[in-house]
């Protein structure tokens, strides 16, 4: 049984890890942190949890793997010493996803541990499964990059242009925030675009694919989920069967015969896709892909567990083969 530590258990991604790992047959959560709640029993803070974990102010070294659910910069500052001590780590922040110069310009922050970036493998299994399996340090992708990168991976190396990703997310993607614009009365019966001068996940998708693209993000009146509509054009005709076959070795990606729905993936580690050829435009072949994930599961904690499974040479789907939460 592998011993697991979770840093910042009180975050949405930390609690989602708790939900998933509670039923995982090969691991045991032995330590959790949450600085503002240090010393409290986890069951007193979240009464849906019935275990005996006590929230600590920091982790000790005696764990087999650490999940860090801290925000960018804060995560690197905390986990740097564990990485230097060779403790297996899955970081859910942006701190080790990008080359240092792109990170610092995107997040407008000096990186605390730039020398450690090259130790981390980018943890998108549909792109880097072999590298993840042989690594100790995994940088878990962002939610928009997961939903936007996966559908375009089979097209790497093809001459595709005019890529537009139109993405809608639920409010849980903003974390457990007290901001007024995240209140129920502000987002219910509402719909809005944000980060129109450049979303910080756009460089991450471009870095993954080596494509230039435009990402527009919207806040939808729902708690969980991302629904992305991706448009692109190509000089060459795309072989849809070849596209579908790419995902045959990736158990969480489903290419459907009709448009997916957010509730179809809620609480699961699945990415559901729909690929559609459109009418030619300016003599270019035109296409649309719809991509749907749960931002807290495949977009964060479920993917982190998938990466852990690969790192420990467990079955990739272990603990993640649940049905969606429906309705």
C-alpha atoms as a PDB file:
ATOM      1  CA  UNK A   1       0.000   0.000   0.000  1.00  0.00           C
ATOM      2  CA  UNK A   2       1.497   3.321  -1.092  1.00  0.00           C
ATOM      3  CA  UNK A   3       1.402   6.217   1.373  1.00  0.00           C
ATOM      4  CA  UNK A   4       0.044   9.449  -0.104  1.00  0.00           C
ATOM      5  CA  UNK A   5       0.326  13.051   1.084  1.00  0.00           C
ATOM      6  CA  UNK A   6      -1.944  15.835  -0.194  1.00  0.00           C
ATOM      7  CA  UNK A   7      -0.840  19.460   0.116  1.00  0.00           C
ATOM      8  CA  UNK A   8      -3.767  21.914   0.420  1.00  0.00           C
ATOM      9  CA  UNK A   9      -6.512  19.345   0.995  1.00  0.00           C
ATOM     10  CA  UNK A  10      -9.071  22.129   1.518  1.00  0.00           C
ATOM     11  CA  UNK A  11      -8.965  23.166  -2.162  1.00  0.00           C
ATOM     12  CA  UNK A  12     -11.484  21.761  -4.659  1.00  0.00           C
ATOM     13  CA  UNK A  13      -8.763  19.690  -6.324  1.00  0.00           C
ATOM     14  CA  UNK A  14      -7.569  18.431  -2.935  1.00  0.00           C
ATOM     15  CA  UNK A  15     -11.079  17.325  -1.990  1.00  0.00           C
ATOM     16  CA  UNK A  16     -11.554  15.704  -5.400  1.00  0.00           C
ATOM     17  CA  UNK A  17      -8.342  13.731  -4.791  1.00  0.00           C
ATOM     18  CA  UNK A  18      -9.726  12.680  -1.417  1.00  0.00           C
ATOM     19  CA  UNK A  19     -12.949  11.473  -3.075  1.00  0.00           C
ATOM     20  CA  UNK A  20     -11.105   9.431  -5.704  1.00  0.00           C
ATOM     21  CA  UNK A  21      -8.274   8.035  -3.564  1.00  0.00           C
ATOM     22  CA  UNK A  22     -10.622   6.994  -0.740  1.00  0.00           C
ATOM     23  CA  UNK A  23     -11.713   4.097  -3.019  1.00  0.00           C
ATOM     24  CA  UNK A  24      -8.331   3.377  -4.643  1.00  0.00           C
ATOM     25  CA  UNK A  25      -7.240  -0.167  -3.712  1.00  0.00           C
ATOM     26  CA  UNK A  26      -3.471   0.425  -3.806  1.00  0.00           C
ATOM     27  CA  UNK A  27      -2.990   3.664  -1.866  1.00  0.00           C
ATOM     28  CA  UNK A  28      -3.699   5.201   1.526  1.00  0.00           C
ATOM     29  CA  UNK A  29      -3.824   8.924   2.287  1.00  0.00           C
ATOM     30  CA  UNK A  30      -1.663   9.268   5.399  1.00  0.00           C
ATOM     31  CA  UNK A  31      -0.992  13.024   5.567  1.00  0.00           C
ATOM     32  CA  UNK A  32      -2.823  16.169   4.447  1.00  0.00           C
ATOM     33  CA  UNK A  33      -2.074  19.864   4.852  1.00  0.00           C
ATOM     34  CA  UNK A  34      -4.114  23.055   4.922  1.00  0.00           C
ATOM     35  CA  UNK A  35      -2.337  25.914   6.634  1.00  0.00           C
ATOM     36  CA  UNK A  36      -5.385  27.890   7.745  1.00  0.00           C
ATOM     37  CA  UNK A  37      -6.949  24.705   9.181  1.00  0.00           C
ATOM     38  CA  UNK A  38      -3.811  23.116  10.680  1.00  0.00           C
ATOM     39  CA  UNK A  39      -4.566  21.061  13.797  1.00  0.00           C
ATOM     40  CA  UNK A  40      -8.208  20.455  12.868  1.00  0.00           C
ATOM     41  CA  UNK A  41      -9.574  16.981  12.213  1.00  0.00           C
ATOM     42  CA  UNK A  42     -10.493  16.770   8.534  1.00  0.00           C
ATOM     43  CA  UNK A  43     -13.861  15.287   9.520  1.00  0.00           C
ATOM     44  CA  UNK A  44     -14.656  18.403  11.564  1.00  0.00           C
ATOM     45  CA  UNK A  45     -13.941  20.699   8.622  1.00  0.00           C
ATOM     46  CA  UNK A  46     -15.733  18.512   6.049  1.00  0.00           C
ATOM     47  CA  UNK A  47     -18.314  16.332   7.746  1.00  0.00           C
ATOM     48  CA  UNK A  48     -18.845  14.181   4.643  1.00  0.00           C
ATOM     49  CA  UNK A  49     -15.414  12.635   5.433  1.00  0.00           C
ATOM     50  CA  UNK A  50     -15.519   9.967   8.116  1.00  0.00           C
ATOM     51  CA  UNK A  51     -11.808   9.163   8.565  1.00  0.00           C
ATOM     52  CA  UNK A  52      -9.295  10.164  11.231  1.00  0.00           C
ATOM     53  CA  UNK A  53      -6.905  12.388   9.257  1.00  0.00           C
ATOM     54  CA  UNK A  54      -5.704  15.544  10.986  1.00  0.00           C
ATOM     55  CA  UNK A  55      -4.781  18.568   8.862  1.00  0.00           C
ATOM     56  CA  UNK A  56      -1.081  19.411   9.264  1.00  0.00           C
ATOM     57  CA  UNK A  57       0.745  22.650   8.521  1.00  0.00           C
ATOM     58  CA  UNK A  58       3.310  20.757   6.406  1.00  0.00           C
ATOM     59  CA  UNK A  59       4.065  17.237   5.193  1.00  0.00           C
ATOM     60  CA  UNK A  60       6.779  15.016   6.548  1.00  0.00           C
ATOM     61  CA  UNK A  61       9.086  13.086   4.225  1.00  0.00           C
ATOM     62  CA  UNK A  62       7.696   9.608   4.960  1.00  0.00           C
ATOM     63  CA  UNK A  63       5.251   9.344   2.053  1.00  0.00           C
ATOM     64  CA  UNK A  64       5.601   7.526  -1.256  1.00  0.00           C
ATOM     65  CA  UNK A  65       4.027  10.315  -3.330  1.00  0.00           C
ATOM     66  CA  UNK A  66       2.900  13.899  -2.871  1.00  0.00           C
ATOM     67  CA  UNK A  67       0.048  15.659  -4.648  1.00  0.00           C
ATOM     68  CA  UNK A  68       0.377  19.439  -4.462  1.00  0.00           C
ATOM     69  CA  UNK A  69      -2.880  21.388  -4.880  1.00  0.00           C
ATOM     70  CA  UNK A  70      -1.432  24.811  -4.168  1.00  0.00           C
ATOM     71  CA  UNK A  71      -1.700  27.676  -6.691  1.00  0.00           C
ATOM     72  CA  UNK A  72       1.184  28.672  -8.949  1.00  0.00           C
ATOM     73  CA  UNK A  73       4.375  29.934  -7.280  1.00  0.00           C
ATOM     74  CA  UNK A  74       3.163  28.814  -3.842  1.00  0.00           C
ATOM     75  CA  UNK A  75       3.377  25.205  -5.004  1.00  0.00           C
ATOM     76  CA  UNK A  76       6.988  25.387  -6.222  1.00  0.00           C
ATOM     77  CA  UNK A  77       8.043  27.124  -3.012  1.00  0.00           C
ATOM     78  CA  UNK A  78       6.657  24.238  -0.934  1.00  0.00           C
ATOM     79  CA  UNK A  79       7.476  21.153  -3.013  1.00  0.00           C
ATOM     80  CA  UNK A  80      10.991  22.170  -4.078  1.00  0.00           C
ATOM     81  CA  UNK A  81      12.581  20.494  -1.060  1.00  0.00           C
ATOM     82  CA  UNK A  82      10.630  17.264  -1.630  1.00  0.00           C
ATOM     83  CA  UNK A  83      11.736  17.135  -5.264  1.00  0.00           C
ATOM     84  CA  UNK A  84      15.337  17.686  -4.149  1.00  0.00           C
ATOM     85  CA  UNK A  85      14.849  14.757  -1.744  1.00  0.00           C
ATOM     86  CA  UNK A  86      13.582  12.581  -4.651  1.00  0.00           C
ATOM     87  CA  UNK A  87      10.045  12.194  -3.276  1.00  0.00           C
ATOM     88  CA  UNK A  88       7.579  11.241  -6.057  1.00  0.00           C
ATOM     89  CA  UNK A  89       5.497  14.330  -6.809  1.00  0.00           C
ATOM     90  CA  UNK A  90       2.452  15.232  -8.899  1.00  0.00           C
ATOM     91  CA  UNK A  91       2.062  19.012  -9.005  1.00  0.00           C
ATOM     92  CA  UNK A  92      -1.384  20.318  -9.968  1.00  0.00           C
ATOM     93  CA  UNK A  93      -0.206  23.935 -10.274  1.00  0.00           C
ATOM     94  CA  UNK A  94       1.289  25.590 -13.365  1.00  0.00           C
ATOM     95  CA  UNK A  95       4.767  25.846 -11.829  1.00  0.00           C
ATOM     96  CA  UNK A  96       6.472  23.089 -13.814  1.00  0.00           C
ATOM     97  CA  UNK A  97       4.376  22.940 -17.003  1.00  0.00           C
ATOM     98  CA  UNK A  98       6.250  25.502 -19.089  1.00  0.00           C
ATOM     99  CA  UNK A  99       9.796  26.594 -19.943  1.00  0.00           C
ATOM    100  CA  UNK A 100      10.892  29.217 -17.419  1.00  0.00           C
ATOM    101  CA  UNK A 101      10.764  32.176 -19.818  1.00  0.00           C
ATOM    102  CA  UNK A 102       7.182  31.357 -20.904  1.00  0.00           C
ATOM    103  CA  UNK A 103       6.130  30.703 -17.294  1.00  0.00           C
ATOM    104  CA  UNK A 104       7.508  33.999 -16.005  1.00  0.00           C
ATOM    105  CA  UNK A 105       5.973  36.080 -18.798  1.00  0.00           C
ATOM    106  CA  UNK A 106       2.603  34.290 -18.590  1.00  0.00           C
ATOM    107  CA  UNK A 107       2.245  34.276 -14.793  1.00  0.00           C
ATOM    108  CA  UNK A 108       4.143  37.546 -14.267  1.00  0.00           C
ATOM    109  CA  UNK A 109       6.116  35.901 -11.496  1.00  0.00           C
ATOM    110  CA  UNK A 110       9.742  34.921 -10.913  1.00  0.00           C
ATOM    111  CA  UNK A 111      10.032  31.134 -10.719  1.00  0.00           C
ATOM    112  CA  UNK A 112      11.227  29.981  -7.257  1.00  0.00           C
ATOM    113  CA  UNK A 113      12.942  26.797  -8.529  1.00  0.00           C
ATOM    114  CA  UNK A 114      13.807  27.187 -12.242  1.00  0.00           C
ATOM    115  CA  UNK A 115      16.524  24.532 -11.960  1.00  0.00           C
ATOM    116  CA  UNK A 116      13.868  21.890 -11.206  1.00  0.00           C
ATOM    117  CA  UNK A 117      11.629  22.504 -14.246  1.00  0.00           C
ATOM    118  CA  UNK A 118      13.527  20.035 -16.424  1.00  0.00           C
ATOM    119  CA  UNK A 119      13.014  17.290 -13.826  1.00  0.00           C
ATOM    120  CA  UNK A 120       9.251  17.327 -14.470  1.00  0.00           C
ATOM    121  CA  UNK A 121       7.364  15.539 -17.237  1.00  0.00           C
ATOM    122  CA  UNK A 122       4.216  17.165 -18.569  1.00  0.00           C
ATOM    123  CA  UNK A 123       1.470  14.858 -17.311  1.00  0.00           C
ATOM    124  CA  UNK A 124      -0.933  14.509 -20.229  1.00  0.00           C
ATOM    125  CA  UNK A 125      -1.059  10.713 -20.724  1.00  0.00           C
ATOM    126  CA  UNK A 126      -2.554  11.005 -24.209  1.00  0.00           C
ATOM    127  CA  UNK A 127       0.622  12.853 -25.200  1.00  0.00           C
ATOM    128  CA  UNK A 128       3.376  11.595 -22.864  1.00  0.00           C
ATOM    129  CA  UNK A 129       2.366   8.199 -21.455  1.00  0.00           C
ATOM    130  CA  UNK A 130       5.813   6.552 -21.777  1.00  0.00           C
ATOM    131  CA  UNK A 131       7.641   9.517 -20.262  1.00  0.00           C
ATOM    132  CA  UNK A 132       5.195   9.669 -17.351  1.00  0.00           C
ATOM    133  CA  UNK A 133       5.695   5.967 -16.634  1.00  0.00           C
ATOM    134  CA  UNK A 134       9.446   6.444 -16.232  1.00  0.00           C
ATOM    135  CA  UNK A 135       9.364   9.699 -14.261  1.00  0.00           C
ATOM    136  CA  UNK A 136       9.220  10.595 -10.560  1.00  0.00           C
ATOM    137  CA  UNK A 137       7.988  14.157 -11.043  1.00  0.00           C
ATOM    138  CA  UNK A 138       4.796  14.971 -12.958  1.00  0.00           C
ATOM    139  CA  UNK A 139       3.415  18.395 -13.830  1.00  0.00           C
ATOM    140  CA  UNK A 140      -0.345  17.948 -14.114  1.00  0.00           C
ATOM    141  CA  UNK A 141      -1.882  19.919 -17.023  1.00  0.00           C
ATOM    142  CA  UNK A 142      -4.365  22.750 -16.656  1.00  0.00           C
ATOM    143  CA  UNK A 143      -8.058  22.112 -17.268  1.00  0.00           C
ATOM    144  CA  UNK A 144      -8.426  24.196 -20.454  1.00  0.00           C
ATOM    145  CA  UNK A 145      -5.175  22.743 -21.882  1.00  0.00           C
ATOM    146  CA  UNK A 146      -6.432  19.216 -21.210  1.00  0.00           C
ATOM    147  CA  UNK A 147      -9.741  19.882 -22.953  1.00  0.00           C
ATOM    148  CA  UNK A 148      -8.048  21.790 -25.777  1.00  0.00           C
ATOM    149  CA  UNK A 149      -4.906  19.708 -26.330  1.00  0.00           C
ATOM    150  CA  UNK A 150      -6.323  16.164 -26.372  1.00  0.00           C
ATOM    151  CA  UNK A 151      -8.585  16.653 -29.415  1.00  0.00           C
ATOM    152  CA  UNK A 152      -5.727  18.168 -31.442  1.00  0.00           C
ATOM    153  CA  UNK A 153      -2.972  15.637 -30.617  1.00  0.00           C
ATOM    154  CA  UNK A 154      -3.673  13.368 -33.648  1.00  0.00           C
ATOM    155  CA  UNK A 155      -3.200  16.437 -35.857  1.00  0.00           C
ATOM    156  CA  UNK A 156       0.346  17.240 -34.685  1.00  0.00           C
ATOM    157  CA  UNK A 157       2.603  17.394 -37.739  1.00  0.00           C
ATOM    158  CA  UNK A 158      -0.280  18.157 -40.079  1.00  0.00           C
ATOM    159  CA  UNK A 159      -0.596  21.562 -41.724  1.00  0.00           C
ATOM    160  CA  UNK A 160      -3.605  22.894 -39.831  1.00  0.00           C
ATOM    161  CA  UNK A 161      -4.312  26.628 -39.509  1.00  0.00           C
ATOM    162  CA  UNK A 162      -6.817  29.160 -38.168  1.00  0.00           C
ATOM    163  CA  UNK A 163      -7.306  27.246 -34.906  1.00  0.00           C
ATOM    164  CA  UNK A 164      -9.939  28.725 -32.604  1.00  0.00           C
ATOM    165  CA  UNK A 165     -10.892  27.200 -29.243  1.00  0.00           C
ATOM    166  CA  UNK A 166     -14.176  28.500 -27.836  1.00  0.00           C
ATOM    167  CA  UNK A 167     -14.363  27.136 -24.271  1.00  0.00           C
ATOM    168  CA  UNK A 168     -16.957  27.343 -21.499  1.00  0.00           C
ATOM    169  CA  UNK A 169     -16.222  26.376 -17.895  1.00  0.00           C
ATOM    170  CA  UNK A 170     -18.039  25.946 -14.609  1.00  0.00           C
ATOM    171  CA  UNK A 171     -17.307  28.177 -11.630  1.00  0.00           C
ATOM    172  CA  UNK A 172     -15.333  25.521  -9.702  1.00  0.00           C
ATOM    173  CA  UNK A 173     -12.453  26.245 -12.090  1.00  0.00           C
ATOM    174  CA  UNK A 174     -11.910  29.482 -10.169  1.00  0.00           C
ATOM    175  CA  UNK A 175     -11.286  27.583  -6.920  1.00  0.00           C
ATOM    176  CA  UNK A 176     -12.806  28.234  -3.505  1.00  0.00           C
ATOM    177  CA  UNK A 177     -12.903  31.986  -3.961  1.00  0.00           C
ATOM    178  CA  UNK A 178     -14.650  34.722  -1.974  1.00  0.00           C
ATOM    179  CA  UNK A 179     -14.723  37.119  -4.929  1.00  0.00           C
ATOM    180  CA  UNK A 180     -18.075  38.826  -5.433  1.00  0.00           C
ATOM    181  CA  UNK A 181     -18.153  37.918  -9.141  1.00  0.00           C
ATOM    182  CA  UNK A 182     -18.120  34.223  -8.174  1.00  0.00           C
ATOM    183  CA  UNK A 183     -21.211  34.449  -5.966  1.00  0.00           C
ATOM    184  CA  UNK A 184     -24.286  32.432  -6.932  1.00  0.00           C
ATOM    185  CA  UNK A 185     -26.356  35.539  -7.591  1.00  0.00           C
ATOM    186  CA  UNK A 186     -23.687  36.827  -9.998  1.00  0.00           C
ATOM    187  CA  UNK A 187     -23.217  33.697 -12.122  1.00  0.00           C
ATOM    188  CA  UNK A 188     -26.691  32.136 -12.027  1.00  0.00           C
ATOM    189  CA  UNK A 189     -28.718  32.935 -15.198  1.00  0.00           C
ATOM    190  CA  UNK A 190     -25.601  34.619 -16.570  1.00  0.00           C
ATOM    191  CA  UNK A 191     -22.923  33.943 -19.185  1.00  0.00           C
ATOM    192  CA  UNK A 192     -19.742  35.921 -19.831  1.00  0.00           C
ATOM    193  CA  UNK A 193     -16.366  35.842 -21.571  1.00  0.00           C
ATOM    194  CA  UNK A 194     -13.206  36.610 -19.611  1.00  0.00           C
ATOM    195  CA  UNK A 195      -9.415  36.965 -20.074  1.00  0.00           C
ATOM    196  CA  UNK A 196     -10.034  38.453 -23.517  1.00  0.00           C
ATOM    197  CA  UNK A 197      -6.549  39.985 -23.576  1.00  0.00           C
ATOM    198  CA  UNK A 198      -5.022  36.505 -23.344  1.00  0.00           C
ATOM    199  CA  UNK A 199      -5.831  33.552 -21.110  1.00  0.00           C
ATOM    200  CA  UNK A 200      -2.784  32.138 -19.333  1.00  0.00           C
ATOM    201  CA  UNK A 201      -3.607  28.624 -20.539  1.00  0.00           C
ATOM    202  CA  UNK A 202      -3.235  29.611 -24.194  1.00  0.00           C
ATOM    203  CA  UNK A 203       0.614  29.423 -24.140  1.00  0.00           C
ATOM    204  CA  UNK A 204       0.362  26.002 -22.480  1.00  0.00           C
ATOM    205  CA  UNK A 205      -1.765  24.584 -25.305  1.00  0.00           C
ATOM    206  CA  UNK A 206       0.525  26.156 -27.913  1.00  0.00           C
ATOM    207  CA  UNK A 207       3.583  24.715 -26.162  1.00  0.00           C
ATOM    208  CA  UNK A 208       1.994  21.246 -26.145  1.00  0.00           C
ATOM    209  CA  UNK A 209       1.090  21.219 -29.835  1.00  0.00           C
ATOM    210  CA  UNK A 210       3.485  23.657 -31.505  1.00  0.00           C
ATOM    211  CA  UNK A 211       0.432  25.302 -33.096  1.00  0.00           C
ATOM    212  CA  UNK A 212      -0.543  28.948 -32.933  1.00  0.00           C
ATOM    213  CA  UNK A 213      -4.187  29.369 -31.898  1.00  0.00           C
ATOM    214  CA  UNK A 214      -6.785  31.624 -30.281  1.00  0.00           C
ATOM    215  CA  UNK A 215      -8.451  30.617 -27.003  1.00  0.00           C
ATOM    216  CA  UNK A 216     -11.581  32.369 -25.752  1.00  0.00           C
ATOM    217  CA  UNK A 217     -12.866  31.337 -22.328  1.00  0.00           C
ATOM    218  CA  UNK A 218     -16.377  31.815 -20.935  1.00  0.00           C
ATOM    219  CA  UNK A 219     -17.900  31.358 -17.513  1.00  0.00           C
ATOM    220  CA  UNK A 220     -21.081  29.274 -17.726  1.00  0.00           C
ATOM    221  CA  UNK A 221     -23.694  29.009 -14.931  1.00  0.00           C
ATOM    222  CA  UNK A 222     -22.684  25.510 -13.813  1.00  0.00           C
ATOM    223  CA  UNK A 223     -20.453  24.100 -11.075  1.00  0.00           C
ATOM    224  CA  UNK A 224     -18.311  21.568 -12.968  1.00  0.00           C
ATOM    225  CA  UNK A 225     -17.338  20.909 -16.552  1.00  0.00           C
ATOM    226  CA  UNK A 226     -15.645  22.367 -19.625  1.00  0.00           C
ATOM    227  CA  UNK A 227     -17.274  22.407 -23.053  1.00  0.00           C
ATOM    228  CA  UNK A 228     -14.859  23.378 -25.854  1.00  0.00           C
ATOM    229  CA  UNK A 229     -15.734  23.905 -29.504  1.00  0.00           C
ATOM    230  CA  UNK A 230     -12.598  23.842 -31.665  1.00  0.00           C
ATOM    231  CA  UNK A 231     -12.511  25.106 -35.249  1.00  0.00           C
ATOM    232  CA  UNK A 232      -9.589  24.683 -37.652  1.00  0.00           C
ATOM    233  CA  UNK A 233      -8.735  24.449 -41.332  1.00  0.00           C
ATOM    234  CA  UNK A 234      -6.278  22.376 -43.344  1.00  0.00           C
ATOM    235  CA  UNK A 235      -4.881  22.192 -46.873  1.00  0.00           C
ATOM    236  CA  UNK A 236      -5.106  18.413 -46.664  1.00  0.00           C
ATOM    237  CA  UNK A 237      -8.179  16.330 -45.953  1.00  0.00           C
ATOM    238  CA  UNK A 238      -8.188  14.818 -42.470  1.00  0.00           C
ATOM    239  CA  UNK A 239      -8.740  11.057 -42.270  1.00  0.00           C
ATOM    240  CA  UNK A 240     -11.366  10.778 -39.538  1.00  0.00           C
ATOM    241  CA  UNK A 241     -10.859   7.016 -39.079  1.00  0.00           C
ATOM    242  CA  UNK A 242      -7.140   7.611 -38.557  1.00  0.00           C
ATOM    243  CA  UNK A 243      -8.051  10.331 -36.071  1.00  0.00           C
ATOM    244  CA  UNK A 244     -10.318   7.983 -34.108  1.00  0.00           C
ATOM    245  CA  UNK A 245      -7.731   5.175 -34.147  1.00  0.00           C
ATOM    246  CA  UNK A 246      -5.175   7.402 -32.430  1.00  0.00           C
ATOM    247  CA  UNK A 247      -7.171   7.152 -29.203  1.00  0.00           C
ATOM    248  CA  UNK A 248      -7.571   3.367 -29.243  1.00  0.00           C
ATOM    249  CA  UNK A 249      -4.818   3.012 -26.619  1.00  0.00           C
ATOM    250  CA  UNK A 250      -6.126   5.827 -24.435  1.00  0.00           C
ATOM    251  CA  UNK A 251      -8.896   4.477 -22.189  1.00  0.00           C
ATOM    252  CA  UNK A 252     -10.401   7.792 -21.090  1.00  0.00           C
ATOM    253  CA  UNK A 253     -10.938   9.342 -24.518  1.00  0.00           C
ATOM    254  CA  UNK A 254     -14.179   8.547 -26.334  1.00  0.00           C
ATOM    255  CA  UNK A 255     -14.891   9.744 -29.881  1.00  0.00           C
ATOM    256  CA  UNK A 256     -18.686   9.827 -30.184  1.00  0.00           C
ATOM    257  CA  UNK A 257     -21.070   9.875 -33.133  1.00  0.00           C
ATOM    258  CA  UNK A 258     -22.931  12.883 -31.715  1.00  0.00           C
ATOM    259  CA  UNK A 259     -22.098  15.957 -29.689  1.00  0.00           C
ATOM    260  CA  UNK A 260     -21.233  15.158 -26.041  1.00  0.00           C
ATOM    261  CA  UNK A 261     -22.786  16.818 -23.007  1.00  0.00           C
ATOM    262  CA  UNK A 262     -21.126  18.092 -19.859  1.00  0.00           C
ATOM    263  CA  UNK A 263     -23.215  15.836 -17.600  1.00  0.00           C
ATOM    264  CA  UNK A 264     -21.990  12.795 -19.538  1.00  0.00           C
ATOM    265  CA  UNK A 265     -18.530  13.269 -17.986  1.00  0.00           C
ATOM    266  CA  UNK A 266     -19.384  14.837 -14.621  1.00  0.00           C
ATOM    267  CA  UNK A 267     -17.283  13.199 -11.904  1.00  0.00           C
ATOM    268  CA  UNK A 268     -15.406  11.001 -14.407  1.00  0.00           C
ATOM    269  CA  UNK A 269     -11.916  11.040 -15.885  1.00  0.00           C
ATOM    270  CA  UNK A 270     -13.297  10.903 -19.433  1.00  0.00           C
ATOM    271  CA  UNK A 271     -12.746  13.258 -22.337  1.00  0.00           C
ATOM    272  CA  UNK A 272     -15.601  12.903 -24.830  1.00  0.00           C
ATOM    273  CA  UNK A 273     -15.071  14.137 -28.390  1.00  0.00           C
ATOM    274  CA  UNK A 274     -17.096  14.712 -31.523  1.00  0.00           C
ATOM    275  CA  UNK A 275     -15.305  15.288 -34.851  1.00  0.00           C
ATOM    276  CA  UNK A 276     -17.157  16.935 -37.722  1.00  0.00           C
ATOM    277  CA  UNK A 277     -16.176  17.953 -41.244  1.00  0.00           C
ATOM    278  CA  UNK A 278     -17.628  21.311 -42.354  1.00  0.00           C
ATOM    279  CA  UNK A 279     -18.054  22.942 -45.745  1.00  0.00           C
ATOM    280  CA  UNK A 280     -14.860  24.131 -47.433  1.00  0.00           C
ATOM    281  CA  UNK A 281     -13.980  27.784 -46.891  1.00  0.00           C
ATOM    282  CA  UNK A 282     -11.549  29.622 -49.203  1.00  0.00           C
ATOM    283  CA  UNK A 283     -10.541  26.264 -50.699  1.00  0.00           C
ATOM    284  CA  UNK A 284      -9.446  25.035 -47.258  1.00  0.00           C
ATOM    285  CA  UNK A 285     -10.894  21.945 -45.600  1.00  0.00           C
ATOM    286  CA  UNK A 286     -12.783  23.065 -42.481  1.00  0.00           C
ATOM    287  CA  UNK A 287     -13.468  21.049 -39.328  1.00  0.00           C
ATOM    288  CA  UNK A 288     -15.065  21.296 -35.903  1.00  0.00           C
ATOM    289  CA  UNK A 289     -14.252  19.229 -32.815  1.00  0.00           C
ATOM    290  CA  UNK A 290     -16.312  19.330 -29.624  1.00  0.00           C
ATOM    291  CA  UNK A 291     -14.430  18.321 -26.477  1.00  0.00           C
ATOM    292  CA  UNK A 292     -15.960  17.867 -23.018  1.00  0.00           C
ATOM    293  CA  UNK A 293     -14.336  17.102 -19.646  1.00  0.00           C
ATOM    294  CA  UNK A 294     -14.998  17.558 -15.936  1.00  0.00           C
ATOM    295  CA  UNK A 295     -12.549  20.314 -14.983  1.00  0.00           C
ATOM    296  CA  UNK A 296     -12.021  18.889 -11.483  1.00  0.00           C
ATOM    297  CA  UNK A 297     -11.515  15.280 -12.594  1.00  0.00           C
ATOM    298  CA  UNK A 298      -9.871  14.852 -16.009  1.00  0.00           C
ATOM    299  CA  UNK A 299      -8.950  18.548 -15.818  1.00  0.00           C
ATOM    300  CA  UNK A 300      -7.222  18.178 -12.432  1.00  0.00           C
ATOM    301  CA  UNK A 301      -7.445  15.453  -9.780  1.00  0.00           C
ATOM    302  CA  UNK A 302      -8.581  12.471 -11.855  1.00  0.00           C
ATOM    303  CA  UNK A 303      -5.762  13.069 -14.309  1.00  0.00           C
ATOM    304  CA  UNK A 304      -3.373  13.399 -11.350  1.00  0.00           C
ATOM    305  CA  UNK A 305      -4.447   9.927 -10.163  1.00  0.00           C
ATOM    306  CA  UNK A 306      -4.087   8.602 -13.728  1.00  0.00           C
ATOM    307  CA  UNK A 307      -0.519   9.944 -13.672  1.00  0.00           C
ATOM    308  CA  UNK A 308       0.101   8.332 -10.284  1.00  0.00           C
ATOM    309  CA  UNK A 309      -1.118   4.999 -11.662  1.00  0.00           C
ATOM    310  CA  UNK A 310       1.344   5.240 -14.544  1.00  0.00           C
ATOM    311  CA  UNK A 311       4.187   6.307 -12.252  1.00  0.00           C
ATOM    312  CA  UNK A 312       3.631   3.337  -9.899  1.00  0.00           C
ATOM    313  CA  UNK A 313       2.997   0.918 -12.796  1.00  0.00           C
ATOM    314  CA  UNK A 314      -0.585   0.320 -11.651  1.00  0.00           C
ATOM    315  CA  UNK A 315      -3.350  -0.316 -14.179  1.00  0.00           C
ATOM    316  CA  UNK A 316      -3.899   3.108 -15.762  1.00  0.00           C
ATOM    317  CA  UNK A 317      -7.633   3.123 -15.038  1.00  0.00           C
ATOM    318  CA  UNK A 318      -7.372   1.916 -11.413  1.00  0.00           C
ATOM    319  CA  UNK A 319      -9.772   3.824  -9.173  1.00  0.00           C
ATOM    320  CA  UNK A 320     -11.077   5.861 -12.096  1.00  0.00           C
ATOM    321  CA  UNK A 321     -13.618   3.635 -13.816  1.00  0.00           C
ATOM    322  CA  UNK A 322     -16.660   5.263 -12.217  1.00  0.00           C
ATOM    323  CA  UNK A 323     -19.913   6.213 -13.937  1.00  0.00           C
ATOM    324  CA  UNK A 324     -20.798   9.919 -14.287  1.00  0.00           C
ATOM    325  CA  UNK A 325     -22.675  11.742 -11.533  1.00  0.00           C
ATOM    326  CA  UNK A 326     -26.093  12.034 -13.098  1.00  0.00           C
ATOM    327  CA  UNK A 327     -28.320  14.015 -13.090  1.00  0.00           C
END
